[in-house]
Amino acid sequence: MIDYFALALGHGLMVIALLRLVLREDCDADPLIEGLKADIAANRMATSTAGRNAARRERAQGAEAEEEPSAHALKQRSGSA
């Protein structure tokens, strides 16, 4: 009788531990793999024509956004002087 109880207790605790491990959210996602997937997607976009064009548009919009505050500041300086 004791042998059956010991077997049931040991296996029951192992099942509980396994369930707790399986149901954890952080065991499902590996941040390193997510980073590699993002790098692969960026490389694919960089090698395709559409991806290169999109990157050029982003850089052009970024350059315009950087120029606007300085041009706006120059207009304010010249207008107030």
PDB file of N, CA and C in Angstrom:
ATOM      1  N   MET A   1       0.827  -1.196   0.000  1.00  0.00           N
ATOM      2  CA  MET A   1       0.000   0.000   0.000  1.00  0.00           C
ATOM      3  C   MET A   1       0.865   1.251   0.000  1.00  0.00           C
ATOM      4  N   ILE A   2       1.905   1.289   0.785  1.00  0.00           N
ATOM      5  CA  ILE A   2       2.803   2.437   0.843  1.00  0.00           C
ATOM      6  C   ILE A   2       3.487   2.633  -0.506  1.00  0.00           C
ATOM      7  N   ASP A   3       3.840   1.564  -1.172  1.00  0.00           N
ATOM      8  CA  ASP A   3       4.519   1.682  -2.461  1.00  0.00           C
ATOM      9  C   ASP A   3       3.631   2.381  -3.494  1.00  0.00           C
ATOM     10  N   TYR A   4       2.353   2.048  -3.514  1.00  0.00           N
ATOM     11  CA  TYR A   4       1.441   2.687  -4.456  1.00  0.00           C
ATOM     12  C   TYR A   4       1.262   4.170  -4.137  1.00  0.00           C
ATOM     13  N   PHE A   5       1.168   4.467  -2.854  1.00  0.00           N
ATOM     14  CA  PHE A   5       1.036   5.868  -2.439  1.00  0.00           C
ATOM     15  C   PHE A   5       2.281   6.664  -2.821  1.00  0.00           C
ATOM     16  N   ALA A   6       3.462   6.113  -2.596  1.00  0.00           N
ATOM     17  CA  ALA A   6       4.711   6.797  -2.928  1.00  0.00           C
ATOM     18  C   ALA A   6       4.819   7.004  -4.442  1.00  0.00           C
ATOM     19  N   LEU A   7       4.452   5.992  -5.216  1.00  0.00           N
ATOM     20  CA  LEU A   7       4.475   6.137  -6.675  1.00  0.00           C
ATOM     21  C   LEU A   7       3.485   7.200  -7.141  1.00  0.00           C
ATOM     22  N   ALA A   8       2.291   7.174  -6.605  1.00  0.00           N
ATOM     23  CA  ALA A   8       1.265   8.146  -6.997  1.00  0.00           C
ATOM     24  C   ALA A   8       1.678   9.555  -6.597  1.00  0.00           C
ATOM     25  N   LEU A   9       2.221   9.717  -5.401  1.00  0.00           N
ATOM     26  CA  LEU A   9       2.647  11.037  -4.939  1.00  0.00           C
ATOM     27  C   LEU A   9       3.782  11.582  -5.799  1.00  0.00           C
ATOM     28  N   GLY A  10       4.777  10.772  -6.056  1.00  0.00           N
ATOM     29  CA  GLY A  10       5.914  11.207  -6.871  1.00  0.00           C
ATOM     30  C   GLY A  10       5.505  11.567  -8.286  1.00  0.00           C
ATOM     31  N   HIS A  11       4.709  10.716  -8.911  1.00  0.00           N
ATOM     32  CA  HIS A  11       4.273  10.987 -10.274  1.00  0.00           C
ATOM     33  C   HIS A  11       3.288  12.157 -10.318  1.00  0.00           C
ATOM     34  N   GLY A  12       2.450  12.275  -9.316  1.00  0.00           N
ATOM     35  CA  GLY A  12       1.526  13.411  -9.264  1.00  0.00           C
ATOM     36  C   GLY A  12       2.265  14.735  -9.169  1.00  0.00           C
ATOM     37  N   LEU A  13       3.304  14.781  -8.334  1.00  0.00           N
ATOM     38  CA  LEU A  13       4.094  16.012  -8.228  1.00  0.00           C
ATOM     39  C   LEU A  13       4.827  16.331  -9.537  1.00  0.00           C
ATOM     40  N   MET A  14       5.308  15.295 -10.220  1.00  0.00           N
ATOM     41  CA  MET A  14       5.967  15.525 -11.513  1.00  0.00           C
ATOM     42  C   MET A  14       4.977  16.053 -12.550  1.00  0.00           C
ATOM     43  N   VAL A  15       3.746  15.552 -12.542  1.00  0.00           N
ATOM     44  CA  VAL A  15       2.719  16.031 -13.468  1.00  0.00           C
ATOM     45  C   VAL A  15       2.397  17.494 -13.175  1.00  0.00           C
ATOM     46  N   ILE A  16       2.279  17.849 -11.897  1.00  0.00           N
ATOM     47  CA  ILE A  16       2.010  19.248 -11.534  1.00  0.00           C
ATOM     48  C   ILE A  16       3.152  20.154 -11.991  1.00  0.00           C
ATOM     49  N   ALA A  17       4.390  19.714 -11.777  1.00  0.00           N
ATOM     50  CA  ALA A  17       5.548  20.515 -12.208  1.00  0.00           C
ATOM     51  C   ALA A  17       5.563  20.664 -13.727  1.00  0.00           C
ATOM     52  N   LEU A  18       5.262  19.598 -14.445  1.00  0.00           N
ATOM     53  CA  LEU A  18       5.236  19.651 -15.905  1.00  0.00           C
ATOM     54  C   LEU A  18       4.148  20.593 -16.398  1.00  0.00           C
ATOM     55  N   LEU A  19       2.976  20.528 -15.806  1.00  0.00           N
ATOM     56  CA  LEU A  19       1.886  21.423 -16.203  1.00  0.00           C
ATOM     57  C   LEU A  19       2.249  22.884 -15.943  1.00  0.00           C
ATOM     58  N   ARG A  20       2.881  23.145 -14.822  1.00  0.00           N
ATOM     59  CA  ARG A  20       3.282  24.520 -14.519  1.00  0.00           C
ATOM     60  C   ARG A  20       4.307  25.033 -15.529  1.00  0.00           C
ATOM     61  N   LEU A  21       5.210  24.165 -15.960  1.00  0.00           N
ATOM     62  CA  LEU A  21       6.195  24.573 -16.963  1.00  0.00           C
ATOM     63  C   LEU A  21       5.553  24.795 -18.323  1.00  0.00           C
ATOM     64  N   VAL A  22       4.650  23.921 -18.709  1.00  0.00           N
ATOM     65  CA  VAL A  22       4.014  24.010 -20.023  1.00  0.00           C
ATOM     66  C   VAL A  22       3.129  25.250 -20.118  1.00  0.00           C
ATOM     67  N   LEU A  23       2.477  25.617 -19.041  1.00  0.00           N
ATOM     68  CA  LEU A  23       1.539  26.728 -19.072  1.00  0.00           C
ATOM     69  C   LEU A  23       2.183  28.091 -18.866  1.00  0.00           C
ATOM     70  N   ARG A  24       3.495  28.155 -18.682  1.00  0.00           N
ATOM     71  CA  ARG A  24       4.172  29.440 -18.510  1.00  0.00           C
ATOM     72  C   ARG A  24       4.277  30.158 -19.850  1.00  0.00           C
ATOM     73  N   GLU A  25       3.999  31.440 -19.844  1.00  0.00           N
ATOM     74  CA  GLU A  25       4.036  32.227 -21.076  1.00  0.00           C
ATOM     75  C   GLU A  25       5.469  32.487 -21.533  1.00  0.00           C
ATOM     76  N   ASP A  26       6.385  32.712 -20.620  1.00  0.00           N
ATOM     77  CA  ASP A  26       7.745  33.063 -21.007  1.00  0.00           C
ATOM     78  C   ASP A  26       8.514  31.879 -21.576  1.00  0.00           C
ATOM     79  N   CYS A  27       7.996  30.680 -21.443  1.00  0.00           N
ATOM     80  CA  CYS A  27       8.654  29.518 -22.043  1.00  0.00           C
ATOM     81  C   CYS A  27       8.311  29.397 -23.527  1.00  0.00           C
ATOM     82  N   ASP A  28       7.268  30.101 -23.963  1.00  0.00           N
ATOM     83  CA  ASP A  28       6.823  29.983 -25.345  1.00  0.00           C
ATOM     84  C   ASP A  28       7.576  30.907 -26.299  1.00  0.00           C
ATOM     85  N   ALA A  29       8.117  32.004 -25.802  1.00  0.00           N
ATOM     86  CA  ALA A  29       8.754  32.979 -26.688  1.00  0.00           C
ATOM     87  C   ALA A  29      10.213  33.158 -26.303  1.00  0.00           C
ATOM     88  N   ASP A  30      11.083  33.079 -27.295  1.00  0.00           N
ATOM     89  CA  ASP A  30      12.505  33.297 -27.077  1.00  0.00           C
ATOM     90  C   ASP A  30      12.876  34.644 -27.693  1.00  0.00           C
ATOM     91  N   PRO A  31      13.352  35.600 -26.897  1.00  0.00           N
ATOM     92  CA  PRO A  31      13.650  36.920 -27.443  1.00  0.00           C
ATOM     93  C   PRO A  31      14.746  36.890 -28.507  1.00  0.00           C
ATOM     94  N   LEU A  32      15.672  35.969 -28.400  1.00  0.00           N
ATOM     95  CA  LEU A  32      16.731  35.881 -29.402  1.00  0.00           C
ATOM     96  C   LEU A  32      16.163  35.478 -30.759  1.00  0.00           C
ATOM     97  N   ILE A  33      15.234  34.530 -30.752  1.00  0.00           N
ATOM     98  CA  ILE A  33      14.615  34.099 -32.008  1.00  0.00           C
ATOM     99  C   ILE A  33      13.787  35.230 -32.607  1.00  0.00           C
ATOM    100  N   GLU A  34      13.082  35.992 -31.770  1.00  0.00           N
ATOM    101  CA  GLU A  34      12.300  37.120 -32.265  1.00  0.00           C
ATOM    102  C   GLU A  34      13.214  38.159 -32.919  1.00  0.00           C
ATOM    103  N   GLY A  35      14.373  38.398 -32.327  1.00  0.00           N
ATOM    104  CA  GLY A  35      15.333  39.335 -32.911  1.00  0.00           C
ATOM    105  C   GLY A  35      15.850  38.838 -34.249  1.00  0.00           C
ATOM    106  N   LEU A  36      16.125  37.541 -34.339  1.00  0.00           N
ATOM    107  CA  LEU A  36      16.597  36.965 -35.599  1.00  0.00           C
ATOM    108  C   LEU A  36      15.516  37.065 -36.679  1.00  0.00           C
ATOM    109  N   LYS A  37      14.260  36.850 -36.296  1.00  0.00           N
ATOM    110  CA  LYS A  37      13.166  36.974 -37.270  1.00  0.00           C
ATOM    111  C   LYS A  37      13.061  38.401 -37.784  1.00  0.00           C
ATOM    112  N   ALA A  38      13.249  39.371 -36.897  1.00  0.00           N
ATOM    113  CA  ALA A  38      13.193  40.772 -37.314  1.00  0.00           C
ATOM    114  C   ALA A  38      14.359  41.099 -38.257  1.00  0.00           C
ATOM    115  N   ASP A  39      15.539  40.570 -37.971  1.00  0.00           N
ATOM    116  CA  ASP A  39      16.689  40.795 -38.845  1.00  0.00           C
ATOM    117  C   ASP A  39      16.474  40.177 -40.220  1.00  0.00           C
ATOM    118  N   ILE A  40      15.917  38.978 -40.238  1.00  0.00           N
ATOM    119  CA  ILE A  40      15.657  38.312 -41.516  1.00  0.00           C
ATOM    120  C   ILE A  40      14.638  39.109 -42.330  1.00  0.00           C
ATOM    121  N   ALA A  41      13.595  39.591 -41.672  1.00  0.00           N
ATOM    122  CA  ALA A  41      12.589  40.385 -42.389  1.00  0.00           C
ATOM    123  C   ALA A  41      13.202  41.675 -42.922  1.00  0.00           C
ATOM    124  N   ALA A  42      14.075  42.305 -42.147  1.00  0.00           N
ATOM    125  CA  ALA A  42      14.728  43.530 -42.608  1.00  0.00           C
ATOM    126  C   ALA A  42      15.643  43.243 -43.789  1.00  0.00           C
ATOM    127  N   ASN A  43      16.346  42.123 -43.752  1.00  0.00           N
ATOM    128  CA  ASN A  43      17.222  41.759 -44.870  1.00  0.00           C
ATOM    129  C   ASN A  43      16.417  41.466 -46.121  1.00  0.00           C
ATOM    130  N   ARG A  44      15.273  40.817 -45.957  1.00  0.00           N
ATOM    131  CA  ARG A  44      14.424  40.545 -47.122  1.00  0.00           C
ATOM    132  C   ARG A  44      13.924  41.837 -47.740  1.00  0.00           C
ATOM    133  N   MET A  45      13.518  42.767 -46.874  1.00  0.00           N
ATOM    134  CA  MET A  45      13.030  44.046 -47.385  1.00  0.00           C
ATOM    135  C   MET A  45      14.155  44.813 -48.071  1.00  0.00           C
ATOM    136  N   ALA A  46      15.360  44.705 -47.545  1.00  0.00           N
ATOM    137  CA  ALA A  46      16.485  45.437 -48.124  1.00  0.00           C
ATOM    138  C   ALA A  46      16.888  44.866 -49.475  1.00  0.00           C
ATOM    139  N   THR A  47      16.656  43.588 -49.703  1.00  0.00           N
ATOM    140  CA  THR A  47      17.072  42.990 -50.969  1.00  0.00           C
ATOM    141  C   THR A  47      16.005  43.086 -52.047  1.00  0.00           C
ATOM    142  N   SER A  48      14.773  43.413 -51.690  1.00  0.00           N
ATOM    143  CA  SER A  48      13.731  43.536 -52.704  1.00  0.00           C
ATOM    144  C   SER A  48      13.654  44.987 -53.185  1.00  0.00           C
ATOM    145  N   THR A  49      13.187  45.177 -54.381  1.00  0.00           N
ATOM    146  CA  THR A  49      13.055  46.516 -54.950  1.00  0.00           C
ATOM    147  C   THR A  49      12.084  47.359 -54.148  1.00  0.00           C
ATOM    148  N   ALA A  50      10.969  46.774 -53.781  1.00  0.00           N
ATOM    149  CA  ALA A  50       9.977  47.513 -52.994  1.00  0.00           C
ATOM    150  C   ALA A  50      10.557  47.901 -51.632  1.00  0.00           C
ATOM    151  N   GLY A  51      11.335  47.015 -51.057  1.00  0.00           N
ATOM    152  CA  GLY A  51      11.943  47.314 -49.762  1.00  0.00           C
ATOM    153  C   GLY A  51      12.948  48.444 -49.856  1.00  0.00           C
ATOM    154  N   ARG A  52      13.750  48.451 -50.911  1.00  0.00           N
ATOM    155  CA  ARG A  52      14.724  49.540 -51.093  1.00  0.00           C
ATOM    156  C   ARG A  52      14.005  50.862 -51.305  1.00  0.00           C
ATOM    157  N   ASN A  53      12.938  50.839 -52.086  1.00  0.00           N
ATOM    158  CA  ASN A  53      12.180  52.075 -52.316  1.00  0.00           C
ATOM    159  C   ASN A  53      11.540  52.582 -51.024  1.00  0.00           C
ATOM    160  N   ALA A  54      11.023  51.660 -50.216  1.00  0.00           N
ATOM    161  CA  ALA A  54      10.410  52.053 -48.943  1.00  0.00           C
ATOM    162  C   ALA A  54      11.463  52.652 -48.010  1.00  0.00           C
ATOM    163  N   ALA A  55      12.650  52.068 -47.991  1.00  0.00           N
ATOM    164  CA  ALA A  55      13.718  52.597 -47.141  1.00  0.00           C
ATOM    165  C   ALA A  55      14.133  53.988 -47.610  1.00  0.00           C
ATOM    166  N   ARG A  56      14.178  54.193 -48.916  1.00  0.00           N
ATOM    167  CA  ARG A  56      14.522  55.522 -49.449  1.00  0.00           C
ATOM    168  C   ARG A  56      13.468  56.556 -49.052  1.00  0.00           C
ATOM    169  N   ARG A  57      12.189  56.162 -49.142  1.00  0.00           N
ATOM    170  CA  ARG A  57      11.123  57.090 -48.741  1.00  0.00           C
ATOM    171  C   ARG A  57      11.221  57.433 -47.260  1.00  0.00           C
ATOM    172  N   GLU A  58      11.512  56.447 -46.422  1.00  0.00           N
ATOM    173  CA  GLU A  58      11.643  56.710 -44.986  1.00  0.00           C
ATOM    174  C   GLU A  58      12.803  57.663 -44.712  1.00  0.00           C
ATOM    175  N   ARG A  59      13.922  57.446 -45.394  1.00  0.00           N
ATOM    176  CA  ARG A  59      15.070  58.341 -45.192  1.00  0.00           C
ATOM    177  C   ARG A  59      14.755  59.746 -45.677  1.00  0.00           C
ATOM    178  N   ALA A  60      14.047  59.857 -46.793  1.00  0.00           N
ATOM    179  CA  ALA A  60      13.703  61.173 -47.319  1.00  0.00           C
ATOM    180  C   ALA A  60      12.742  61.886 -46.373  1.00  0.00           C
ATOM    181  N   GLN A  61      11.770  61.171 -45.841  1.00  0.00           N
ATOM    182  CA  GLN A  61      10.837  61.777 -44.895  1.00  0.00           C
ATOM    183  C   GLN A  61      11.546  62.159 -43.606  1.00  0.00           C
ATOM    184  N   GLY A  62      12.492  61.340 -43.175  1.00  0.00           N
ATOM    185  CA  GLY A  62      13.263  61.655 -41.977  1.00  0.00           C
ATOM    186  C   GLY A  62      14.124  62.897 -42.178  1.00  0.00           C
ATOM    187  N   ALA A  63      14.698  63.040 -43.369  1.00  0.00           N
ATOM    188  CA  ALA A  63      15.518  64.211 -43.666  1.00  0.00           C
ATOM    189  C   ALA A  63      14.662  65.469 -43.725  1.00  0.00           C
ATOM    190  N   GLU A  64      13.459  65.357 -44.294  1.00  0.00           N
ATOM    191  CA  GLU A  64      12.558  66.507 -44.343  1.00  0.00           C
ATOM    192  C   GLU A  64      12.118  66.911 -42.947  1.00  0.00           C
ATOM    193  N   ALA A  65      11.860  65.928 -42.103  1.00  0.00           N
ATOM    194  CA  ALA A  65      11.428  66.220 -40.737  1.00  0.00           C
ATOM    195  C   ALA A  65      12.544  66.911 -39.957  1.00  0.00           C
ATOM    196  N   GLU A  66      13.789  66.549 -40.219  1.00  0.00           N
ATOM    197  CA  GLU A  66      14.916  67.184 -39.536  1.00  0.00           C
ATOM    198  C   GLU A  66      15.138  68.602 -40.050  1.00  0.00           C
ATOM    199  N   GLU A  67      14.889  68.828 -41.332  1.00  0.00           N
ATOM    200  CA  GLU A  67      15.118  70.152 -41.911  1.00  0.00           C
ATOM    201  C   GLU A  67      14.032  71.141 -41.507  1.00  0.00           C
ATOM    202  N   GLU A  68      12.820  70.690 -41.326  1.00  0.00           N
ATOM    203  CA  GLU A  68      11.715  71.596 -41.041  1.00  0.00           C
ATOM    204  C   GLU A  68      11.917  72.427 -39.787  1.00  0.00           C
ATOM    205  N   PRO A  69      12.318  71.856 -38.660  1.00  0.00           N
ATOM    206  CA  PRO A  69      12.478  72.700 -37.474  1.00  0.00           C
ATOM    207  C   PRO A  69      13.560  73.766 -37.669  1.00  0.00           C
ATOM    208  N   SER A  70      14.659  73.425 -38.330  1.00  0.00           N
ATOM    209  CA  SER A  70      15.710  74.414 -38.508  1.00  0.00           C
ATOM    210  C   SER A  70      15.258  75.505 -39.491  1.00  0.00           C
ATOM    211  N   ALA A  71      14.535  75.131 -40.559  1.00  0.00           N
ATOM    212  CA  ALA A  71      14.033  76.130 -41.501  1.00  0.00           C
ATOM    213  C   ALA A  71      12.986  77.005 -40.815  1.00  0.00           C
ATOM    214  N   HIS A  72      12.169  76.393 -39.992  1.00  0.00           N
ATOM    215  CA  HIS A  72      11.160  77.141 -39.252  1.00  0.00           C
ATOM    216  C   HIS A  72      11.835  78.103 -38.278  1.00  0.00           C
ATOM    217  N   ALA A  73      12.892  77.670 -37.631  1.00  0.00           N
ATOM    218  CA  ALA A  73      13.612  78.527 -36.684  1.00  0.00           C
ATOM    219  C   ALA A  73      14.266  79.697 -37.416  1.00  0.00           C
ATOM    220  N   LEU A  74      14.789  79.451 -38.612  1.00  0.00           N
ATOM    221  CA  LEU A  74      15.406  80.528 -39.395  1.00  0.00           C
ATOM    222  C   LEU A  74      14.364  81.562 -39.793  1.00  0.00           C
ATOM    223  N   LYS A  75      13.165  81.087 -40.184  1.00  0.00           N
ATOM    224  CA  LYS A  75      12.108  82.029 -40.566  1.00  0.00           C
ATOM    225  C   LYS A  75      11.694  82.871 -39.383  1.00  0.00           C
ATOM    226  N   GLN A  76      11.638  82.252 -38.209  1.00  0.00           N
ATOM    227  CA  GLN A  76      11.246  83.013 -37.017  1.00  0.00           C
ATOM    228  C   GLN A  76      12.319  84.052 -36.692  1.00  0.00           C
ATOM    229  N   ARG A  77      13.561  83.695 -36.823  1.00  0.00           N
ATOM    230  CA  ARG A  77      14.652  84.632 -36.515  1.00  0.00           C
ATOM    231  C   ARG A  77      14.653  85.811 -37.483  1.00  0.00           C
ATOM    232  N   SER A  78      14.474  85.501 -38.768  1.00  0.00           N
ATOM    233  CA  SER A  78      14.494  86.581 -39.760  1.00  0.00           C
ATOM    234  C   SER A  78      13.235  87.441 -39.649  1.00  0.00           C
ATOM    235  N   GLY A  79      12.129  86.842 -39.289  1.00  0.00           N
ATOM    236  CA  GLY A  79      10.875  87.593 -39.148  1.00  0.00           C
ATOM    237  C   GLY A  79      10.863  88.470 -37.919  1.00  0.00           C
ATOM    238  N   SER A  80      11.487  88.054 -36.855  1.00  0.00           N
ATOM    239  CA  SER A  80      11.476  88.835 -35.624  1.00  0.00           C
ATOM    240  C   SER A  80      12.556  89.896 -35.614  1.00  0.00           C
ATOM    241  N   ALA A  81      13.541  89.810 -36.489  1.00  0.00           N
ATOM    242  CA  ALA A  81      14.650  90.789 -36.481  1.00  0.00           C
ATOM    243  C   ALA A  81      14.323  92.015 -37.269  1.00  0.00           C
TER     244      ALA A  81
END
